[in-house]
């Protein structure tokens, strides 16, 4: 997976499976991507919320609660 802005590599992994197992491989790939990227997205979102104050504090409280 490549970051669009910088062109840098964000995630890469090799999955060696027979083509007959392609539908079984899709959930494995999805889980691997989420496991790798979720912490990065959480960190980036935390930084973004610290940098810019929310306009509607009700929405902000609900987002934090969620």
PDB file of N, CA and C in Angstrom:
ATOM      1  N   UNK A   1       0.851  -1.143   0.000  1.00  0.00           N
ATOM      2  CA  UNK A   1       0.000   0.000   0.000  1.00  0.00           C
ATOM      3  C   UNK A   1       0.911   1.224   0.000  1.00  0.00           C
ATOM      4  N   UNK A   2       0.614   2.174  -0.842  1.00  0.00           N
ATOM      5  CA  UNK A   2       1.437   3.361  -1.015  1.00  0.00           C
ATOM      6  C   UNK A   2       0.659   4.595  -0.584  1.00  0.00           C
ATOM      7  N   UNK A   3       1.314   5.495   0.160  1.00  0.00           N
ATOM      8  CA  UNK A   3       0.680   6.755   0.544  1.00  0.00           C
ATOM      9  C   UNK A   3       0.619   7.675  -0.661  1.00  0.00           C
ATOM     10  N   UNK A   4      -0.556   8.199  -0.950  1.00  0.00           N
ATOM     11  CA  UNK A   4      -0.762   8.988  -2.164  1.00  0.00           C
ATOM     12  C   UNK A   4       0.043  10.283  -2.157  1.00  0.00           C
ATOM     13  N   UNK A   5       0.157  10.938  -1.020  1.00  0.00           N
ATOM     14  CA  UNK A   5       0.808  12.247  -0.971  1.00  0.00           C
ATOM     15  C   UNK A   5       2.320  12.132  -1.157  1.00  0.00           C
ATOM     16  N   UNK A   6       2.949  11.233  -0.390  1.00  0.00           N
ATOM     17  CA  UNK A   6       4.410  11.151  -0.422  1.00  0.00           C
ATOM     18  C   UNK A   6       4.939  10.064  -1.344  1.00  0.00           C
ATOM     19  N   UNK A   7       4.102   9.104  -1.686  1.00  0.00           N
ATOM     20  CA  UNK A   7       4.559   7.977  -2.491  1.00  0.00           C
ATOM     21  C   UNK A   7       5.311   6.942  -1.682  1.00  0.00           C
ATOM     22  N   UNK A   8       5.311   7.119  -0.358  1.00  0.00           N
ATOM     23  CA  UNK A   8       6.024   6.194   0.522  1.00  0.00           C
ATOM     24  C   UNK A   8       5.247   4.907   0.769  1.00  0.00           C
ATOM     25  N   UNK A   9       5.979   3.866   1.075  1.00  0.00           N
ATOM     26  CA  UNK A   9       5.374   2.567   1.356  1.00  0.00           C
ATOM     27  C   UNK A   9       4.745   2.598   2.743  1.00  0.00           C
ATOM     28  N   UNK A  10       3.460   2.277   2.839  1.00  0.00           N
ATOM     29  CA  UNK A  10       2.742   2.262   4.107  1.00  0.00           C
ATOM     30  C   UNK A  10       2.622   0.836   4.637  1.00  0.00           C
ATOM     31  N   UNK A  11       2.363  -0.108   3.747  1.00  0.00           N
ATOM     32  CA  UNK A  11       2.169  -1.488   4.166  1.00  0.00           C
ATOM     33  C   UNK A  11       2.482  -2.415   2.993  1.00  0.00           C
ATOM     34  N   UNK A  12       3.142  -3.518   3.303  1.00  0.00           N
ATOM     35  CA  UNK A  12       3.417  -4.537   2.291  1.00  0.00           C
ATOM     36  C   UNK A  12       3.543  -5.881   2.989  1.00  0.00           C
ATOM     37  N   UNK A  13       2.973  -6.886   2.396  1.00  0.00           N
ATOM     38  CA  UNK A  13       3.076  -8.234   2.933  1.00  0.00           C
ATOM     39  C   UNK A  13       2.809  -9.209   1.798  1.00  0.00           C
ATOM     40  N   UNK A  14       3.448 -10.348   1.864  1.00  0.00           N
ATOM     41  CA  UNK A  14       3.277 -11.378   0.849  1.00  0.00           C
ATOM     42  C   UNK A  14       2.371 -12.484   1.402  1.00  0.00           C
ATOM     43  N   UNK A  15       1.420 -12.905   0.597  1.00  0.00           N
ATOM     44  CA  UNK A  15       0.533 -14.003   0.959  1.00  0.00           C
ATOM     45  C   UNK A  15       0.692 -15.093  -0.104  1.00  0.00           C
ATOM     46  N   UNK A  16       1.315 -16.185   0.266  1.00  0.00           N
ATOM     47  CA  UNK A  16       1.520 -17.294  -0.661  1.00  0.00           C
ATOM     48  C   UNK A  16       0.408 -18.311  -0.465  1.00  0.00           C
ATOM     49  N   UNK A  17      -0.539 -18.294  -1.386  1.00  0.00           N
ATOM     50  CA  UNK A  17      -1.671 -19.208  -1.339  1.00  0.00           C
ATOM     51  C   UNK A  17      -1.965 -19.708  -2.748  1.00  0.00           C
ATOM     52  N   UNK A  18      -2.573 -20.871  -2.834  1.00  0.00           N
ATOM     53  CA  UNK A  18      -3.011 -21.376  -4.136  1.00  0.00           C
ATOM     54  C   UNK A  18      -4.195 -20.535  -4.607  1.00  0.00           C
ATOM     55  N   UNK A  19      -4.323 -20.375  -5.894  1.00  0.00           N
ATOM     56  CA  UNK A  19      -5.406 -19.562  -6.442  1.00  0.00           C
ATOM     57  C   UNK A  19      -6.791 -20.104  -6.072  1.00  0.00           C
ATOM     58  N   UNK A  20      -6.899 -21.376  -5.789  1.00  0.00           N
ATOM     59  CA  UNK A  20      -8.204 -21.930  -5.406  1.00  0.00           C
ATOM     60  C   UNK A  20      -8.642 -21.401  -4.041  1.00  0.00           C
ATOM     61  N   UNK A  21      -7.700 -20.853  -3.262  1.00  0.00           N
ATOM     62  CA  UNK A  21      -8.009 -20.337  -1.932  1.00  0.00           C
ATOM     63  C   UNK A  21      -8.192 -18.820  -1.920  1.00  0.00           C
ATOM     64  N   UNK A  22      -8.430 -18.210  -3.077  1.00  0.00           N
ATOM     65  CA  UNK A  22      -8.451 -16.740  -3.125  1.00  0.00           C
ATOM     66  C   UNK A  22      -9.543 -16.149  -2.242  1.00  0.00           C
ATOM     67  N   UNK A  23     -10.707 -16.802  -2.157  1.00  0.00           N
ATOM     68  CA  UNK A  23     -11.769 -16.261  -1.317  1.00  0.00           C
ATOM     69  C   UNK A  23     -11.459 -16.445   0.165  1.00  0.00           C
ATOM     70  N   UNK A  24     -10.675 -17.427   0.507  1.00  0.00           N
ATOM     71  CA  UNK A  24     -10.265 -17.612   1.896  1.00  0.00           C
ATOM     72  C   UNK A  24      -9.138 -16.646   2.270  1.00  0.00           C
ATOM     73  N   UNK A  25      -8.397 -16.198   1.287  1.00  0.00           N
ATOM     74  CA  UNK A  25      -7.279 -15.299   1.531  1.00  0.00           C
ATOM     75  C   UNK A  25      -7.743 -13.861   1.758  1.00  0.00           C
ATOM     76  N   UNK A  26      -8.844 -13.469   1.143  1.00  0.00           N
ATOM     77  CA  UNK A  26      -9.311 -12.082   1.261  1.00  0.00           C
ATOM     78  C   UNK A  26      -9.511 -11.625   2.709  1.00  0.00           C
ATOM     79  N   UNK A  27     -10.179 -12.413   3.564  1.00  0.00           N
ATOM     80  CA  UNK A  27     -10.316 -11.964   4.960  1.00  0.00           C
ATOM     81  C   UNK A  27      -8.966 -11.865   5.683  1.00  0.00           C
ATOM     82  N   UNK A  28      -8.031 -12.742   5.336  1.00  0.00           N
ATOM     83  CA  UNK A  28      -6.701 -12.679   5.955  1.00  0.00           C
ATOM     84  C   UNK A  28      -5.993 -11.383   5.584  1.00  0.00           C
ATOM     85  N   UNK A  29      -6.090 -11.007   4.329  1.00  0.00           N
ATOM     86  CA  UNK A  29      -5.463  -9.766   3.860  1.00  0.00           C
ATOM     87  C   UNK A  29      -6.143  -8.568   4.522  1.00  0.00           C
ATOM     88  N   UNK A  30      -7.460  -8.580   4.571  1.00  0.00           N
ATOM     89  CA  UNK A  30      -8.193  -7.484   5.207  1.00  0.00           C
ATOM     90  C   UNK A  30      -7.803  -7.309   6.668  1.00  0.00           C
ATOM     91  N   UNK A  31      -7.737  -8.419   7.410  1.00  0.00           N
ATOM     92  CA  UNK A  31      -7.346  -8.343   8.824  1.00  0.00           C
ATOM     93  C   UNK A  31      -5.915  -7.824   8.982  1.00  0.00           C
ATOM     94  N   UNK A  32      -5.029  -8.263   8.099  1.00  0.00           N
ATOM     95  CA  UNK A  32      -3.633  -7.822   8.178  1.00  0.00           C
ATOM     96  C   UNK A  32      -3.517  -6.317   7.938  1.00  0.00           C
ATOM     97  N   UNK A  33      -4.268  -5.803   6.961  1.00  0.00           N
ATOM     98  CA  UNK A  33      -4.242  -4.363   6.664  1.00  0.00           C
ATOM     99  C   UNK A  33      -4.785  -3.579   7.854  1.00  0.00           C
ATOM    100  N   UNK A  34      -5.922  -3.995   8.386  1.00  0.00           N
ATOM    101  CA  UNK A  34      -6.531  -3.280   9.511  1.00  0.00           C
ATOM    102  C   UNK A  34      -5.624  -3.327  10.735  1.00  0.00           C
ATOM    103  N   UNK A  35      -5.037  -4.485  11.010  1.00  0.00           N
ATOM    104  CA  UNK A  35      -4.147  -4.620  12.162  1.00  0.00           C
ATOM    105  C   UNK A  35      -2.959  -3.675  12.054  1.00  0.00           C
ATOM    106  N   UNK A  36      -2.451  -3.506  10.862  1.00  0.00           N
ATOM    107  CA  UNK A  36      -1.296  -2.630  10.654  1.00  0.00           C
ATOM    108  C   UNK A  36      -1.678  -1.151  10.667  1.00  0.00           C
ATOM    109  N   UNK A  37      -2.773  -0.798   9.999  1.00  0.00           N
ATOM    110  CA  UNK A  37      -3.095   0.609   9.797  1.00  0.00           C
ATOM    111  C   UNK A  37      -3.925   1.240  10.910  1.00  0.00           C
ATOM    112  N   UNK A  38      -4.715   0.476  11.636  1.00  0.00           N
ATOM    113  CA  UNK A  38      -5.600   1.054  12.661  1.00  0.00           C
ATOM    114  C   UNK A  38      -4.832   1.889  13.687  1.00  0.00           C
ATOM    115  N   UNK A  39      -3.720   1.400  14.249  1.00  0.00           N
ATOM    116  CA  UNK A  39      -2.995   2.245  15.207  1.00  0.00           C
ATOM    117  C   UNK A  39      -2.451   3.534  14.579  1.00  0.00           C
ATOM    118  N   UNK A  40      -2.021   3.463  13.336  1.00  0.00           N
ATOM    119  CA  UNK A  40      -1.513   4.660  12.665  1.00  0.00           C
ATOM    120  C   UNK A  40      -2.624   5.678  12.452  1.00  0.00           C
ATOM    121  N   UNK A  41      -3.808   5.193  12.070  1.00  0.00           N
ATOM    122  CA  UNK A  41      -4.950   6.080  11.857  1.00  0.00           C
ATOM    123  C   UNK A  41      -5.383   6.700  13.186  1.00  0.00           C
ATOM    124  N   UNK A  42      -5.413   5.899  14.245  1.00  0.00           N
ATOM    125  CA  UNK A  42      -5.777   6.416  15.564  1.00  0.00           C
ATOM    126  C   UNK A  42      -4.818   7.515  16.018  1.00  0.00           C
ATOM    127  N   UNK A  43      -3.508   7.287  15.832  1.00  0.00           N
ATOM    128  CA  UNK A  43      -2.515   8.298  16.215  1.00  0.00           C
ATOM    129  C   UNK A  43      -2.695   9.580  15.402  1.00  0.00           C
ATOM    130  N   UNK A  44      -2.880   9.440  14.097  1.00  0.00           N
ATOM    131  CA  UNK A  44      -3.045  10.613  13.237  1.00  0.00           C
ATOM    132  C   UNK A  44      -4.303  11.381  13.609  1.00  0.00           C
ATOM    133  N   UNK A  45      -5.367  10.684  13.930  1.00  0.00           N
ATOM    134  CA  UNK A  45      -6.617  11.342  14.321  1.00  0.00           C
ATOM    135  C   UNK A  45      -6.457  12.049  15.660  1.00  0.00           C
ATOM    136  N   UNK A  46      -5.731  11.443  16.593  1.00  0.00           N
ATOM    137  CA  UNK A  46      -5.494  12.084  17.886  1.00  0.00           C
ATOM    138  C   UNK A  46      -4.699  13.373  17.708  1.00  0.00           C
ATOM    139  N   UNK A  47      -3.698  13.345  16.854  1.00  0.00           N
ATOM    140  CA  UNK A  47      -2.912  14.550  16.580  1.00  0.00           C
ATOM    141  C   UNK A  47      -3.785  15.615  15.928  1.00  0.00           C
ATOM    142  N   UNK A  48      -4.599  15.206  14.971  1.00  0.00           N
ATOM    143  CA  UNK A  48      -5.463  16.153  14.264  1.00  0.00           C
ATOM    144  C   UNK A  48      -6.445  16.830  15.217  1.00  0.00           C
ATOM    145  N   UNK A  49      -7.010  16.081  16.151  1.00  0.00           N
ATOM    146  CA  UNK A  49      -7.977  16.673  17.070  1.00  0.00           C
ATOM    147  C   UNK A  49      -7.301  17.601  18.073  1.00  0.00           C
ATOM    148  N   UNK A  50      -6.037  17.339  18.400  1.00  0.00           N
ATOM    149  CA  UNK A  50      -5.320  18.240  19.306  1.00  0.00           C
ATOM    150  C   UNK A  50      -4.946  19.544  18.619  1.00  0.00           C
ATOM    151  N   UNK A  51      -4.697  19.484  17.323  1.00  0.00           N
ATOM    152  CA  UNK A  51      -4.248  20.659  16.583  1.00  0.00           C
ATOM    153  C   UNK A  51      -5.400  21.618  16.296  1.00  0.00           C
ATOM    154  N   UNK A  52      -6.564  21.091  15.927  1.00  0.00           N
ATOM    155  CA  UNK A  52      -7.686  21.959  15.572  1.00  0.00           C
ATOM    156  C   UNK A  52      -8.832  21.762  16.560  1.00  0.00           C
ATOM    157  N   UNK A  53      -9.303  22.875  17.093  1.00  0.00           N
ATOM    158  CA  UNK A  53     -10.423  22.821  18.035  1.00  0.00           C
ATOM    159  C   UNK A  53     -11.721  22.555  17.278  1.00  0.00           C
ATOM    160  N   UNK A  54     -12.582  21.716  17.835  1.00  0.00           N
ATOM    161  CA  UNK A  54     -13.847  21.437  17.160  1.00  0.00           C
ATOM    162  C   UNK A  54     -14.774  22.659  17.216  1.00  0.00           C
ATOM    163  N   UNK A  55     -15.557  22.847  16.165  1.00  0.00           N
ATOM    164  CA  UNK A  55     -16.510  23.951  16.124  1.00  0.00           C
ATOM    165  C   UNK A  55     -17.734  23.635  16.978  1.00  0.00           C
ATOM    166  N   UNK A  56     -18.157  22.392  16.960  1.00  0.00           N
ATOM    167  CA  UNK A  56     -19.330  21.975  17.716  1.00  0.00           C
ATOM    168  C   UNK A  56     -18.878  21.015  18.814  1.00  0.00           C
ATOM    169  N   UNK A  57     -18.900  21.462  20.046  1.00  0.00           N
ATOM    170  CA  UNK A  57     -18.429  20.635  21.151  1.00  0.00           C
ATOM    171  C   UNK A  57     -19.324  19.434  21.402  1.00  0.00           C
ATOM    172  N   UNK A  58     -20.589  19.516  21.042  1.00  0.00           N
ATOM    173  CA  UNK A  58     -21.474  18.364  21.197  1.00  0.00           C
ATOM    174  C   UNK A  58     -21.007  17.223  20.306  1.00  0.00           C
ATOM    175  N   UNK A  59     -20.711  17.531  19.079  1.00  0.00           N
ATOM    176  CA  UNK A  59     -20.216  16.508  18.155  1.00  0.00           C
ATOM    177  C   UNK A  59     -18.885  15.950  18.644  1.00  0.00           C
ATOM    178  N   UNK A  60     -18.045  16.807  19.163  1.00  0.00           N
ATOM    179  CA  UNK A  60     -16.742  16.372  19.683  1.00  0.00           C
ATOM    180  C   UNK A  60     -16.935  15.412  20.858  1.00  0.00           C
ATOM    181  N   UNK A  61     -17.814  15.746  21.792  1.00  0.00           N
ATOM    182  CA  UNK A  61     -18.072  14.866  22.940  1.00  0.00           C
ATOM    183  C   UNK A  61     -18.610  13.515  22.486  1.00  0.00           C
ATOM    184  N   UNK A  62     -19.519  13.528  21.529  1.00  0.00           N
ATOM    185  CA  UNK A  62     -20.067  12.273  21.010  1.00  0.00           C
ATOM    186  C   UNK A  62     -18.994  11.436  20.323  1.00  0.00           C
ATOM    187  N   UNK A  63     -18.096  12.096  19.600  1.00  0.00           N
ATOM    188  CA  UNK A  63     -17.017  11.382  18.926  1.00  0.00           C
ATOM    189  C   UNK A  63     -16.068  10.760  19.959  1.00  0.00           C
ATOM    190  N   UNK A  64     -15.758  11.488  21.002  1.00  0.00           N
ATOM    191  CA  UNK A  64     -14.890  10.960  22.049  1.00  0.00           C
ATOM    192  C   UNK A  64     -15.562   9.810  22.786  1.00  0.00           C
ATOM    193  N   UNK A  65     -16.837   9.919  22.991  1.00  0.00           N
ATOM    194  CA  UNK A  65     -17.590   8.860  23.679  1.00  0.00           C
ATOM    195  C   UNK A  65     -17.630   7.586  22.846  1.00  0.00           C
ATOM    196  N   UNK A  66     -17.729   7.769  21.512  1.00  0.00           N
ATOM    197  CA  UNK A  66     -17.798   6.626  20.608  1.00  0.00           C
ATOM    198  C   UNK A  66     -16.503   5.907  20.557  1.00  0.00           C
TER     199      UNK A  66
END
